[in-house]
Each structure stands twice: as structure tokens, then as C-alpha cells.
Amino acid sequence: MADGIEGLVHLGELAATTVEASGDVIQIGDEVTVIITEVDLRRRRLALSRYQAAEKTWDLPPTAPGNPCDPAG
């Protein structure tokens, strides 16, 4: 993340089922897809959702070859 910006995923946004602890579904070093659900400029925080990202049907335009943001690379 950008310097001084925190991204937080609430336990309720980690999975479709109830999660008791984050370690039940993710581990340190895991790469996960999330979406930004809220921006708090004052506290420099982003609220993120893994659950909503998994439910989202992405309809994105193609990107240029070699673009690091493009999953195809």
C-alpha cells in the first residue's frame, strides 16, 4: 500500500461463512483479491472486502500487454 495508508478487512468480509479468526481462511504472505468498500481520508484507511470481491463479476476493459495490473500479465 502507499506510504501511511492502511487497508483493513473486517472478519465479516473475509468469507461467505462466519470466520472466528483470520487465520482460519488466510495466512501471512497470502495474496488475496479485495475491493475497496470505504475510504477514510482523515484516518488514512481503506475498508476492504475479500467476500464482496469474490462475489463480484468483473467486466473490465483489456489492458496493454505487460501491464502489471493485468492478471494476464
PDB file of N, CA and C in Angstrom:
ATOM      1  N   MET A   1       0.841  -1.178   0.000  1.00  0.00           N
ATOM      2  CA  MET A   1       0.000   0.000   0.000  1.00  0.00           C
ATOM      3  C   MET A   1       0.888   1.243   0.000  1.00  0.00           C
ATOM      4  N   ALA A   2       0.288   2.342  -0.327  1.00  0.00           N
ATOM      5  CA  ALA A   2       1.009   3.601  -0.334  1.00  0.00           C
ATOM      6  C   ALA A   2       1.486   3.927   1.077  1.00  0.00           C
ATOM      7  N   ASP A   3       2.541   4.699   1.164  1.00  0.00           N
ATOM      8  CA  ASP A   3       3.116   5.062   2.451  1.00  0.00           C
ATOM      9  C   ASP A   3       2.075   5.723   3.353  1.00  0.00           C
ATOM     10  N   GLY A   4       1.887   5.158   4.535  1.00  0.00           N
ATOM     11  CA  GLY A   4       0.978   5.736   5.501  1.00  0.00           C
ATOM     12  C   GLY A   4      -0.485   5.395   5.305  1.00  0.00           C
ATOM     13  N   ILE A   5      -0.794   4.503   4.380  1.00  0.00           N
ATOM     14  CA  ILE A   5      -2.178   4.088   4.150  1.00  0.00           C
ATOM     15  C   ILE A   5      -2.354   2.669   4.683  1.00  0.00           C
ATOM     16  N   GLU A   6      -3.425   2.454   5.437  1.00  0.00           N
ATOM     17  CA  GLU A   6      -3.723   1.117   5.947  1.00  0.00           C
ATOM     18  C   GLU A   6      -4.944   0.565   5.235  1.00  0.00           C
ATOM     19  N   GLY A   7      -4.905  -0.712   4.916  1.00  0.00           N
ATOM     20  CA  GLY A   7      -6.053  -1.400   4.357  1.00  0.00           C
ATOM     21  C   GLY A   7      -6.507  -2.467   5.333  1.00  0.00           C
ATOM     22  N   LEU A   8      -7.755  -2.401   5.739  1.00  0.00           N
ATOM     23  CA  LEU A   8      -8.275  -3.304   6.765  1.00  0.00           C
ATOM     24  C   LEU A   8      -9.442  -4.124   6.230  1.00  0.00           C
ATOM     25  N   VAL A   9      -9.411  -5.433   6.487  1.00  0.00           N
ATOM     26  CA  VAL A   9     -10.510  -6.325   6.114  1.00  0.00           C
ATOM     27  C   VAL A   9     -11.147  -6.827   7.413  1.00  0.00           C
ATOM     28  N   HIS A  10     -12.410  -6.473   7.630  1.00  0.00           N
ATOM     29  CA  HIS A  10     -13.134  -6.925   8.813  1.00  0.00           C
ATOM     30  C   HIS A  10     -13.371  -8.428   8.686  1.00  0.00           C
ATOM     31  N   LEU A  11     -13.410  -9.139   9.801  1.00  0.00           N
ATOM     32  CA  LEU A  11     -13.636 -10.593   9.775  1.00  0.00           C
ATOM     33  C   LEU A  11     -14.878 -10.966   8.971  1.00  0.00           C
ATOM     34  N   GLY A  12     -15.913 -10.173   9.058  1.00  0.00           N
ATOM     35  CA  GLY A  12     -17.146 -10.449   8.333  1.00  0.00           C
ATOM     36  C   GLY A  12     -17.012 -10.305   6.826  1.00  0.00           C
ATOM     37  N   GLU A  13     -15.906  -9.713   6.364  1.00  0.00           N
ATOM     38  CA  GLU A  13     -15.677  -9.513   4.937  1.00  0.00           C
ATOM     39  C   GLU A  13     -14.611 -10.460   4.378  1.00  0.00           C
ATOM     40  N   LEU A  14     -14.192 -11.438   5.173  1.00  0.00           N
ATOM     41  CA  LEU A  14     -13.179 -12.389   4.705  1.00  0.00           C
ATOM     42  C   LEU A  14     -13.767 -13.537   3.896  1.00  0.00           C
ATOM     43  N   ALA A  15     -14.959 -13.998   4.256  1.00  0.00           N
ATOM     44  CA  ALA A  15     -15.533 -15.174   3.591  1.00  0.00           C
ATOM     45  C   ALA A  15     -17.055 -15.131   3.675  1.00  0.00           C
ATOM     46  N   ALA A  16     -17.688 -15.975   2.887  1.00  0.00           N
ATOM     47  CA  ALA A  16     -19.149 -16.039   2.869  1.00  0.00           C
ATOM     48  C   ALA A  16     -19.702 -16.654   4.150  1.00  0.00           C
ATOM     49  N   THR A  17     -18.885 -17.441   4.842  1.00  0.00           N
ATOM     50  CA  THR A  17     -19.299 -18.058   6.100  1.00  0.00           C
ATOM     51  C   THR A  17     -18.709 -17.299   7.272  1.00  0.00           C
ATOM     52  N   THR A  18     -19.208 -17.559   8.459  1.00  0.00           N
ATOM     53  CA  THR A  18     -18.698 -16.909   9.660  1.00  0.00           C
ATOM     54  C   THR A  18     -17.256 -17.335   9.913  1.00  0.00           C
ATOM     55  N   VAL A  19     -16.409 -16.355  10.190  1.00  0.00           N
ATOM     56  CA  VAL A  19     -14.996 -16.608  10.444  1.00  0.00           C
ATOM     57  C   VAL A  19     -14.695 -16.228  11.892  1.00  0.00           C
ATOM     58  N   GLU A  20     -14.142 -17.163  12.648  1.00  0.00           N
ATOM     59  CA  GLU A  20     -13.791 -16.906  14.049  1.00  0.00           C
ATOM     60  C   GLU A  20     -12.459 -16.155  14.159  1.00  0.00           C
ATOM     61  N   ALA A  21     -11.503 -16.527  13.295  1.00  0.00           N
ATOM     62  CA  ALA A  21     -10.176 -15.901  13.306  1.00  0.00           C
ATOM     63  C   ALA A  21      -9.676 -15.811  11.872  1.00  0.00           C
ATOM     64  N   SER A  22      -8.961 -14.737  11.555  1.00  0.00           N
ATOM     65  CA  SER A  22      -8.485 -14.554  10.182  1.00  0.00           C
ATOM     66  C   SER A  22      -7.620 -15.723   9.719  1.00  0.00           C
ATOM     67  N   GLY A  23      -6.859 -16.329  10.625  1.00  0.00           N
ATOM     68  CA  GLY A  23      -6.004 -17.462  10.284  1.00  0.00           C
ATOM     69  C   GLY A  23      -6.763 -18.687   9.816  1.00  0.00           C
ATOM     70  N   ASP A  24      -8.084 -18.695  10.020  1.00  0.00           N
ATOM     71  CA  ASP A  24      -8.901 -19.807   9.538  1.00  0.00           C
ATOM     72  C   ASP A  24      -9.015 -19.805   8.014  1.00  0.00           C
ATOM     73  N   VAL A  25      -8.840 -18.615   7.381  1.00  0.00           N
ATOM     74  CA  VAL A  25      -9.028 -18.518   5.929  1.00  0.00           C
ATOM     75  C   VAL A  25      -7.843 -17.942   5.168  1.00  0.00           C
ATOM     76  N   ILE A  26      -6.977 -17.187   5.845  1.00  0.00           N
ATOM     77  CA  ILE A  26      -5.804 -16.630   5.178  1.00  0.00           C
ATOM     78  C   ILE A  26      -4.589 -16.721   6.094  1.00  0.00           C
ATOM     79  N   GLN A  27      -3.419 -16.688   5.484  1.00  0.00           N
ATOM     80  CA  GLN A  27      -2.161 -16.744   6.228  1.00  0.00           C
ATOM     81  C   GLN A  27      -1.290 -15.565   5.812  1.00  0.00           C
ATOM     82  N   ILE A  28      -0.344 -15.184   6.641  1.00  0.00           N
ATOM     83  CA  ILE A  28       0.600 -14.127   6.305  1.00  0.00           C
ATOM     84  C   ILE A  28       1.317 -14.513   5.020  1.00  0.00           C
ATOM     85  N   GLY A  29       1.379 -13.589   4.096  1.00  0.00           N
ATOM     86  CA  GLY A  29       2.036 -13.826   2.820  1.00  0.00           C
ATOM     87  C   GLY A  29       1.088 -14.223   1.703  1.00  0.00           C
ATOM     88  N   ASP A  30      -0.163 -14.585   2.047  1.00  0.00           N
ATOM     89  CA  ASP A  30      -1.146 -14.925   1.017  1.00  0.00           C
ATOM     90  C   ASP A  30      -1.464 -13.682   0.180  1.00  0.00           C
ATOM     91  N   GLU A  31      -1.628 -13.886  -1.108  1.00  0.00           N
ATOM     92  CA  GLU A  31      -2.118 -12.816  -1.970  1.00  0.00           C
ATOM     93  C   GLU A  31      -3.618 -13.006  -2.105  1.00  0.00           C
ATOM     94  N   VAL A  32      -4.372 -11.948  -1.827  1.00  0.00           N
ATOM     95  CA  VAL A  32      -5.827 -12.033  -1.887  1.00  0.00           C
ATOM     96  C   VAL A  32      -6.373 -10.892  -2.747  1.00  0.00           C
ATOM     97  N   THR A  33      -7.508 -11.136  -3.348  1.00  0.00           N
ATOM     98  CA  THR A  33      -8.198 -10.105  -4.121  1.00  0.00           C
ATOM     99  C   THR A  33      -9.251  -9.482  -3.224  1.00  0.00           C
ATOM    100  N   VAL A  34      -9.246  -8.165  -3.155  1.00  0.00           N
ATOM    101  CA  VAL A  34     -10.213  -7.422  -2.343  1.00  0.00           C
ATOM    102  C   VAL A  34     -10.747  -6.258  -3.157  1.00  0.00           C
ATOM    103  N   ILE A  35     -11.838  -5.689  -2.683  1.00  0.00           N
ATOM    104  CA  ILE A  35     -12.317  -4.431  -3.238  1.00  0.00           C
ATOM    105  C   ILE A  35     -12.370  -3.408  -2.110  1.00  0.00           C
ATOM    106  N   ILE A  36     -12.256  -2.162  -2.477  1.00  0.00           N
ATOM    107  CA  ILE A  36     -12.354  -1.065  -1.508  1.00  0.00           C
ATOM    108  C   ILE A  36     -13.828  -0.782  -1.283  1.00  0.00           C
ATOM    109  N   THR A  37     -14.256  -0.842  -0.025  1.00  0.00           N
ATOM    110  CA  THR A  37     -15.660  -0.580   0.298  1.00  0.00           C
ATOM    111  C   THR A  37     -15.847   0.767   0.972  1.00  0.00           C
ATOM    112  N   GLU A  38     -14.769   1.328   1.498  1.00  0.00           N
ATOM    113  CA  GLU A  38     -14.869   2.615   2.193  1.00  0.00           C
ATOM    114  C   GLU A  38     -13.504   3.274   2.223  1.00  0.00           C
ATOM    115  N   VAL A  39     -13.482   4.606   2.107  1.00  0.00           N
ATOM    116  CA  VAL A  39     -12.241   5.374   2.191  1.00  0.00           C
ATOM    117  C   VAL A  39     -12.386   6.361   3.335  1.00  0.00           C
ATOM    118  N   ASP A  40     -11.461   6.312   4.279  1.00  0.00           N
ATOM    119  CA  ASP A  40     -11.442   7.250   5.401  1.00  0.00           C
ATOM    120  C   ASP A  40     -10.191   8.105   5.234  1.00  0.00           C
ATOM    121  N   LEU A  41     -10.368   9.267   4.610  1.00  0.00           N
ATOM    122  CA  LEU A  41      -9.219  10.136   4.318  1.00  0.00           C
ATOM    123  C   LEU A  41      -8.553  10.652   5.587  1.00  0.00           C
ATOM    124  N   ARG A  42      -9.348  11.000   6.562  1.00  0.00           N
ATOM    125  CA  ARG A  42      -8.803  11.560   7.794  1.00  0.00           C
ATOM    126  C   ARG A  42      -7.881  10.565   8.503  1.00  0.00           C
ATOM    127  N   ARG A  43      -8.306   9.313   8.606  1.00  0.00           N
ATOM    128  CA  ARG A  43      -7.505   8.295   9.297  1.00  0.00           C
ATOM    129  C   ARG A  43      -6.572   7.555   8.349  1.00  0.00           C
ATOM    130  N   ARG A  44      -6.640   7.887   7.044  1.00  0.00           N
ATOM    131  CA  ARG A  44      -5.789   7.275   6.016  1.00  0.00           C
ATOM    132  C   ARG A  44      -5.948   5.755   6.010  1.00  0.00           C
ATOM    133  N   ARG A  45      -7.228   5.332   5.960  1.00  0.00           N
ATOM    134  CA  ARG A  45      -7.550   3.908   5.974  1.00  0.00           C
ATOM    135  C   ARG A  45      -8.525   3.565   4.855  1.00  0.00           C
ATOM    136  N   LEU A  46      -8.354   2.360   4.363  1.00  0.00           N
ATOM    137  CA  LEU A  46      -9.284   1.797   3.388  1.00  0.00           C
ATOM    138  C   LEU A  46      -9.966   0.603   4.032  1.00  0.00           C
ATOM    139  N   ALA A  47     -11.288   0.531   3.931  1.00  0.00           N
ATOM    140  CA  ALA A  47     -12.012  -0.668   4.341  1.00  0.00           C
ATOM    141  C   ALA A  47     -12.070  -1.556   3.105  1.00  0.00           C
ATOM    142  N   LEU A  48     -11.677  -2.819   3.267  1.00  0.00           N
ATOM    143  CA  LEU A  48     -11.571  -3.749   2.151  1.00  0.00           C
ATOM    144  C   LEU A  48     -12.475  -4.955   2.370  1.00  0.00           C
ATOM    145  N   SER A  49     -12.883  -5.600   1.273  1.00  0.00           N
ATOM    146  CA  SER A  49     -13.719  -6.791   1.376  1.00  0.00           C
ATOM    147  C   SER A  49     -13.215  -7.876   0.441  1.00  0.00           C
ATOM    148  N   ARG A  50     -12.845  -8.999   1.000  1.00  0.00           N
ATOM    149  CA  ARG A  50     -12.485 -10.177   0.215  1.00  0.00           C
ATOM    150  C   ARG A  50     -13.761 -10.886  -0.250  1.00  0.00           C
ATOM    151  N   TYR A  51     -14.756 -10.951   0.621  1.00  0.00           N
ATOM    152  CA  TYR A  51     -16.027 -11.601   0.313  1.00  0.00           C
ATOM    153  C   TYR A  51     -16.716 -10.933  -0.875  1.00  0.00           C
ATOM    154  N   GLN A  52     -16.846  -9.620  -0.850  1.00  0.00           N
ATOM    155  CA  GLN A  52     -17.516  -8.909  -1.936  1.00  0.00           C
ATOM    156  C   GLN A  52     -16.729  -9.010  -3.236  1.00  0.00           C
ATOM    157  N   ALA A  53     -15.405  -9.055  -3.150  1.00  0.00           N
ATOM    158  CA  ALA A  53     -14.587  -9.218  -4.356  1.00  0.00           C
ATOM    159  C   ALA A  53     -14.833 -10.579  -4.990  1.00  0.00           C
ATOM    160  N   ALA A  54     -15.015 -11.603  -4.172  1.00  0.00           N
ATOM    161  CA  ALA A  54     -15.261 -12.953  -4.686  1.00  0.00           C
ATOM    162  C   ALA A  54     -16.632 -13.046  -5.342  1.00  0.00           C
ATOM    163  N   GLU A  55     -17.588 -12.259  -4.857  1.00  0.00           N
ATOM    164  CA  GLU A  55     -18.951 -12.280  -5.380  1.00  0.00           C
ATOM    165  C   GLU A  55     -19.108 -11.414  -6.631  1.00  0.00           C
ATOM    166  N   LYS A  56     -18.173 -10.512  -6.847  1.00  0.00           N
ATOM    167  CA  LYS A  56     -18.262  -9.541  -7.947  1.00  0.00           C
ATOM    168  C   LYS A  56     -17.967 -10.213  -9.286  1.00  0.00           C
ATOM    169  N   THR A  57     -18.762  -9.894 -10.281  1.00  0.00           N
ATOM    170  CA  THR A  57     -18.482 -10.316 -11.647  1.00  0.00           C
ATOM    171  C   THR A  57     -17.758  -9.164 -12.318  1.00  0.00           C
ATOM    172  N   TRP A  58     -16.511  -9.377 -12.629  1.00  0.00           N
ATOM    173  CA  TRP A  58     -15.684  -8.302 -13.179  1.00  0.00           C
ATOM    174  C   TRP A  58     -15.921  -8.153 -14.670  1.00  0.00           C
ATOM    175  N   ASP A  59     -16.126  -6.938 -15.101  1.00  0.00           N
ATOM    176  CA  ASP A  59     -16.290  -6.611 -16.505  1.00  0.00           C
ATOM    177  C   ASP A  59     -15.356  -5.445 -16.801  1.00  0.00           C
ATOM    178  N   LEU A  60     -14.058  -5.766 -16.866  1.00  0.00           N
ATOM    179  CA  LEU A  60     -13.047  -4.740 -17.035  1.00  0.00           C
ATOM    180  C   LEU A  60     -12.555  -4.703 -18.476  1.00  0.00           C
ATOM    181  N   PRO A  61     -12.198  -3.512 -18.965  1.00  0.00           N
ATOM    182  CA  PRO A  61     -11.646  -3.433 -20.315  1.00  0.00           C
ATOM    183  C   PRO A  61     -10.252  -4.065 -20.335  1.00  0.00           C
ATOM    184  N   PRO A  62      -9.815  -4.573 -21.485  1.00  0.00           N
ATOM    185  CA  PRO A  62      -8.477  -5.148 -21.560  1.00  0.00           C
ATOM    186  C   PRO A  62      -7.425  -4.077 -21.339  1.00  0.00           C
ATOM    187  N   THR A  63      -6.287  -4.479 -20.815  1.00  0.00           N
ATOM    188  CA  THR A  63      -5.192  -3.543 -20.585  1.00  0.00           C
ATOM    189  C   THR A  63      -4.073  -3.843 -21.565  1.00  0.00           C
ATOM    190  N   ALA A  64      -3.106  -2.963 -21.623  1.00  0.00           N
ATOM    191  CA  ALA A  64      -1.973  -3.140 -22.527  1.00  0.00           C
ATOM    192  C   ALA A  64      -1.128  -4.333 -22.098  1.00  0.00           C
ATOM    193  N   PRO A  65      -0.547  -5.081 -23.037  1.00  0.00           N
ATOM    194  CA  PRO A  65       0.322  -6.206 -22.682  1.00  0.00           C
ATOM    195  C   PRO A  65       1.467  -5.741 -21.785  1.00  0.00           C
ATOM    196  N   GLY A  66       1.766  -6.554 -20.792  1.00  0.00           N
ATOM    197  CA  GLY A  66       2.854  -6.229 -19.873  1.00  0.00           C
ATOM    198  C   GLY A  66       2.432  -5.326 -18.727  1.00  0.00           C
ATOM    199  N   ASN A  67       1.181  -4.914 -18.688  1.00  0.00           N
ATOM    200  CA  ASN A  67       0.688  -4.066 -17.603  1.00  0.00           C
ATOM    201  C   ASN A  67       0.639  -4.909 -16.334  1.00  0.00           C
ATOM    202  N   PRO A  68       1.338  -4.500 -15.250  1.00  0.00           N
ATOM    203  CA  PRO A  68       1.334  -5.283 -14.022  1.00  0.00           C
ATOM    204  C   PRO A  68      -0.032  -5.395 -13.366  1.00  0.00           C
ATOM    205  N   CYS A  69      -0.969  -4.530 -13.743  1.00  0.00           N
ATOM    206  CA  CYS A  69      -2.325  -4.595 -13.196  1.00  0.00           C
ATOM    207  C   CYS A  69      -3.192  -5.605 -13.935  1.00  0.00           C
ATOM    208  N   ASP A  70      -2.704  -6.101 -15.054  1.00  0.00           N
ATOM    209  CA  ASP A  70      -3.451  -7.058 -15.859  1.00  0.00           C
ATOM    210  C   ASP A  70      -3.110  -8.471 -15.398  1.00  0.00           C
ATOM    211  N   PRO A  71      -4.107  -9.251 -14.932  1.00  0.00           N
ATOM    212  CA  PRO A  71      -3.829 -10.602 -14.475  1.00  0.00           C
ATOM    213  C   PRO A  71      -3.148 -11.476 -15.539  1.00  0.00           C
ATOM    214  N   ALA A  72      -3.381 -11.151 -16.807  1.00  0.00           N
ATOM    215  CA  ALA A  72      -2.748 -11.925 -17.881  1.00  0.00           C
ATOM    216  C   ALA A  72      -1.286 -11.525 -18.077  1.00  0.00           C
ATOM    217  N   GLY A  73      -0.893 -10.422 -17.426  1.00  0.00           N
ATOM    218  CA  GLY A  73       0.489 -10.048 -17.380  1.00  0.00           C
ATOM    219  C   GLY A  73       1.036  -9.209 -18.424  1.00  0.00           C
TER     220      GLY A  73
END
